[in-house]
Every structure is written in C-alpha cells, then in structure tokens.
C-alpha atoms as a PDB file:
ATOM      1  CA  MET A   1      -3.850   6.771 -23.569  1.00  0.00           C
ATOM      2  CA  LYS A   2      -5.296   9.866 -21.960  1.00  0.00           C
ATOM      3  CA  LYS A   3      -3.052  11.919 -19.696  1.00  0.00           C
ATOM      4  CA  TYR A   4      -4.430  13.826 -16.716  1.00  0.00           C
ATOM      5  CA  PRO A   5      -2.971  16.853 -14.936  1.00  0.00           C
ATOM      6  CA  ASP A   6      -2.835  14.924 -11.658  1.00  0.00           C
ATOM      7  CA  MET A   7      -4.138  11.864  -9.879  1.00  0.00           C
ATOM      8  CA  TYR A   8      -7.292  13.608  -8.644  1.00  0.00           C
ATOM      9  CA  GLU A   9      -8.407  14.383 -12.197  1.00  0.00           C
ATOM     10  CA  LEU A  10      -7.593  10.788 -13.132  1.00  0.00           C
ATOM     11  CA  PHE A  11      -9.835   9.512 -10.317  1.00  0.00           C
ATOM     12  CA  LYS A  12     -12.722  11.762 -11.368  1.00  0.00           C
ATOM     13  CA  ASP A  13     -12.682  10.232 -14.835  1.00  0.00           C
ATOM     14  CA  ASP A  14     -11.467   6.683 -14.191  1.00  0.00           C
ATOM     15  CA  THR A  15     -13.264   4.780 -11.433  1.00  0.00           C
ATOM     16  CA  THR A  16     -11.061   1.724 -12.012  1.00  0.00           C
ATOM     17  CA  ALA A  17      -7.990   3.754 -11.089  1.00  0.00           C
ATOM     18  CA  LYS A  18      -9.714   5.065  -7.951  1.00  0.00           C
ATOM     19  CA  LYS A  19     -10.752   1.554  -6.877  1.00  0.00           C
ATOM     20  CA  TYR A  20      -7.197   0.307  -7.454  1.00  0.00           C
ATOM     21  CA  PHE A  21      -5.796   3.166  -5.363  1.00  0.00           C
ATOM     22  CA  ASP A  22      -8.304   2.537  -2.561  1.00  0.00           C
ATOM     23  CA  LYS A  23      -7.161  -1.097  -2.274  1.00  0.00           C
ATOM     24  CA  LEU A  24      -3.498  -0.176  -1.848  1.00  0.00           C
ATOM     25  CA  PRO A  25      -1.943  -0.206   1.634  1.00  0.00           C
ATOM     26  CA  GLU A  26      -2.242   3.121   3.417  1.00  0.00           C
ATOM     27  CA  TYR A  27       1.491   3.863   3.352  1.00  0.00           C
ATOM     28  CA  VAL A  28       1.512   3.377  -0.442  1.00  0.00           C
ATOM     29  CA  GLN A  29      -1.486   5.713  -0.813  1.00  0.00           C
ATOM     30  CA  GLU A  30       0.340   8.326   1.275  1.00  0.00           C
ATOM     31  CA  GLN A  31       3.510   8.062  -0.801  1.00  0.00           C
ATOM     32  CA  ILE A  32       1.586   8.371  -4.049  1.00  0.00           C
ATOM     33  CA  SER A  33      -0.463  11.292  -2.707  1.00  0.00           C
ATOM     34  CA  THR A  34       2.704  13.271  -1.992  1.00  0.00           C
ATOM     35  CA  ARG A  35       3.459  13.072  -5.721  1.00  0.00           C
ATOM     36  CA  ALA A  36      -0.073  13.410  -7.074  1.00  0.00           C
ATOM     37  CA  ASN A  37       1.112  15.657  -9.926  1.00  0.00           C
ATOM     38  CA  GLY A  38       3.319  12.845 -11.210  1.00  0.00           C
ATOM     39  CA  VAL A  39       0.393  10.440 -11.563  1.00  0.00           C
ATOM     40  CA  ASN A  40      -1.249  11.281 -14.878  1.00  0.00           C
ATOM     41  CA  SER A  41      -2.588   7.907 -16.047  1.00  0.00           C
ATOM     42  CA  PHE A  42      -3.715   4.552 -14.673  1.00  0.00           C
ATOM     43  CA  ALA A  43      -0.491   3.042 -16.014  1.00  0.00           C
ATOM     44  CA  SER A  44       1.668   5.538 -14.119  1.00  0.00           C
ATOM     45  CA  LEU A  45      -0.390   4.917 -10.962  1.00  0.00           C
ATOM     46  CA  LYS A  46       0.164   1.154 -11.247  1.00  0.00           C
ATOM     47  CA  ASP A  47       3.879   1.548 -12.016  1.00  0.00           C
ATOM     48  CA  TYR A  48       4.398   3.795  -9.022  1.00  0.00           C
ATOM     49  CA  ALA A  49       2.401   1.519  -6.684  1.00  0.00           C
ATOM     50  CA  GLU A  50       4.225  -1.590  -7.873  1.00  0.00           C
ATOM     51  CA  ASN A  51       7.602   0.073  -7.320  1.00  0.00           C
ATOM     52  CA  LEU A  52       6.605   0.978  -3.756  1.00  0.00           C
ATOM     53  CA  LEU A  53       5.199  -2.493  -3.072  1.00  0.00           C
ATOM     54  CA  ARG A  54       8.308  -4.170  -4.451  1.00  0.00           C
ATOM     55  CA  GLY A  55      10.208  -2.642  -1.521  1.00  0.00           C
ATOM     56  CA  ASP A  56       8.200  -4.886   0.819  1.00  0.00           C
ATOM     57  CA  ASP A  57       9.933  -8.099  -0.252  1.00  0.00           C
END
C-alpha cells in the first residue's frame, strides 16, 4: 500500500479517497483536515472517519 506525505497528496493520486472524503459530514471533514499530515493512505482516512462517525451513536 502506498503511503502519502499527507491527505492532499493522497487526494491528488487517489480519486476514490477524495470522493469518499467529499461524502463525509462536514464536521468529520473538518476534524480530518486538522490532522491532514496523519492521513497517508485511503485506509488511514477510512479508519479515522469511522472512528469519528462512531461517536455519533
């Protein structure tokens, strides 16, 4: 699995990751954006989003 320096590089290369991010609720996008350097793969993006969404239950 390819690792990226940050989420913006991931989005440039992986349109699936960008589409996934764009469908997330705005507050989740904001939380992830504050830690963009920690998102270096689609898997890490999904893990982070799912953790944030789990707090909604």
